C-alpha atoms as a PDB file:
ATOM      1  CA  MET A   1     271.937 187.018 111.368  1.00  0.00           C
ATOM      2  CA  LYS A   2     269.904 185.132 108.767  1.00  0.00           C
ATOM      3  CA  ILE A   3     270.593 184.883 105.102  1.00  0.00           C
ATOM      4  CA  LYS A   4     267.783 184.277 102.846  1.00  0.00           C
ATOM      5  CA  TYR A   5     268.207 183.534  99.045  1.00  0.00           C
ATOM      6  CA  PHE A   6     265.284 183.692  96.555  1.00  0.00           C
ATOM      7  CA  ALA A   7     266.386 181.530  93.753  1.00  0.00           C
ATOM      8  CA  GLU A   8     263.279 182.609  91.323  1.00  0.00           C
ATOM      9  CA  THR A   9     264.514 186.235  91.730  1.00  0.00           C
ATOM     10  CA  ASP A  10     268.112 185.915  92.282  1.00  0.00           C
ATOM     11  CA  THR A  11     267.711 187.978  95.512  1.00  0.00           C
ATOM     12  CA  ALA A  12     269.517 187.707  98.665  1.00  0.00           C
ATOM     13  CA  LEU A  13     268.140 189.167 101.913  1.00  0.00           C
ATOM     14  CA  VAL A  14     270.533 189.544 104.793  1.00  0.00           C
ATOM     15  CA  GLU A  15     268.982 189.981 108.204  1.00  0.00           C
ATOM     16  CA  PHE A  16     270.880 191.527 111.100  1.00  0.00           C
ATOM     17  CA  SER A  17     268.212 192.483 113.499  1.00  0.00           C
ATOM     18  CA  GLU A  18     264.390 192.202 113.839  1.00  0.00           C
ATOM     19  CA  HIS A  19     264.066 195.883 114.679  1.00  0.00           C
ATOM     20  CA  ALA A  20     261.463 197.913 112.670  1.00  0.00           C
ATOM     21  CA  VAL A  21     262.630 199.196 109.205  1.00  0.00           C
ATOM     22  CA  SER A  22     262.323 203.154 109.358  1.00  0.00           C
ATOM     23  CA  GLU A  23     264.364 203.836 106.089  1.00  0.00           C
ATOM     24  CA  THR A  24     265.701 201.991 103.118  1.00  0.00           C
ATOM     25  CA  ARG A  25     268.811 203.566 101.335  1.00  0.00           C
ATOM     26  CA  GLU A  26     269.758 202.577  97.840  1.00  0.00           C
ATOM     27  CA  ILE A  27     273.470 201.872  97.677  1.00  0.00           C
ATOM     28  CA  ASN A  28     273.354 201.026  93.973  1.00  0.00           C
ATOM     29  CA  GLU A  29     270.881 199.676  91.569  1.00  0.00           C
ATOM     30  CA  ASN A  30     271.263 196.258  92.845  1.00  0.00           C
ATOM     31  CA  ILE A  31     271.863 196.948  96.735  1.00  0.00           C
ATOM     32  CA  TYR A  32     269.681 198.301  99.188  1.00  0.00           C
ATOM     33  CA  VAL A  33     270.097 198.598 103.100  1.00  0.00           C
ATOM     34  CA  ASP A  34     267.215 199.009 105.723  1.00  0.00           C
ATOM     35  CA  LEU A  35     267.862 201.099 108.917  1.00  0.00           C
ATOM     36  CA  ASP A  36     266.032 201.561 112.105  1.00  0.00           C
ATOM     37  CA  ALA A  37     264.894 204.603 113.674  1.00  0.00           C
ATOM     38  CA  ASP A  38     268.372 205.189 115.112  1.00  0.00           C
ATOM     39  CA  GLY A  39     270.297 204.577 111.905  1.00  0.00           C
ATOM     40  CA  ASN A  40     271.473 201.100 112.754  1.00  0.00           C
ATOM     41  CA  LEU A  41     271.668 198.462 109.997  1.00  0.00           C
ATOM     42  CA  VAL A  42     268.547 196.081 109.934  1.00  0.00           C
ATOM     43  CA  SER A  43     269.018 194.215 106.686  1.00  0.00           C
ATOM     44  CA  MET A  44     270.355 194.259 103.374  1.00  0.00           C
ATOM     45  CA  THR A  45     268.798 193.279 100.136  1.00  0.00           C
ATOM     46  CA  ILE A  46     271.064 192.235  97.028  1.00  0.00           C
ATOM     47  CA  GLU A  47     269.392 191.730  93.618  1.00  0.00           C
ATOM     48  CA  HIS A  48     271.335 189.729  91.105  1.00  0.00           C
ATOM     49  CA  ALA A  49     272.935 187.960  93.902  1.00  0.00           C
ATOM     50  CA  ALA A  50     274.644 185.333  91.904  1.00  0.00           C
ATOM     51  CA  SER A  51     276.867 187.822  90.257  1.00  0.00           C
ATOM     52  CA  GLN A  52     276.883 190.724  92.726  1.00  0.00           C
ATOM     53  CA  ALA A  53     277.820 188.670  96.001  1.00  0.00           C
ATOM     54  CA  ASN A  54     279.039 185.225  94.985  1.00  0.00           C
ATOM     55  CA  ILE A  55     275.861 183.759  96.829  1.00  0.00           C
ATOM     56  CA  ALA A  56     276.813 180.101  95.971  1.00  0.00           C
ATOM     57  CA  GLU A  57     279.331 180.061  98.765  1.00  0.00           C
ATOM     58  CA  VAL A  58     278.631 181.564 102.082  1.00  0.00           C
ATOM     59  CA  ALA A  59     281.150 181.211 105.286  1.00  0.00           C
ATOM     60  CA  TYR A  60     281.073 182.370 108.483  1.00  0.00           C
ATOM     61  CA  GLN A  61     284.432 182.928 110.711  1.00  0.00           C
ATOM     62  CA  GLN A  62     284.723 184.566 114.201  1.00  0.00           C
ATOM     63  CA  ILE A  63     287.882 186.141 114.986  1.00  0.00           C
ATOM     64  CA  GLY A  64     288.463 186.931 118.802  1.00  0.00           C
ATOM     65  CA  PRO A  65     285.743 187.006 121.553  1.00  0.00           C
ATOM     66  CA  VAL A  66     282.350 188.225 120.851  1.00  0.00           C
ATOM     67  CA  ALA A  67     281.634 191.934 121.766  1.00  0.00           C
ATOM     68  CA  GLY A  68     279.156 192.176 124.614  1.00  0.00           C
END
């Protein structure tokens, strides 16, 4: 997973996979998700990320073993 933050537009892009995007769905006026041909999540775009997602602080915590 990769998180990219574009300060000039206050946009966050969270990439979950490198699959080709087949469809983009609008969740609301600030959040969009990209899906592959099988409906799996590829990425999520968050506009106005400073107020929508508290982008100033990002943390990762793994609970339990990684599913394989």
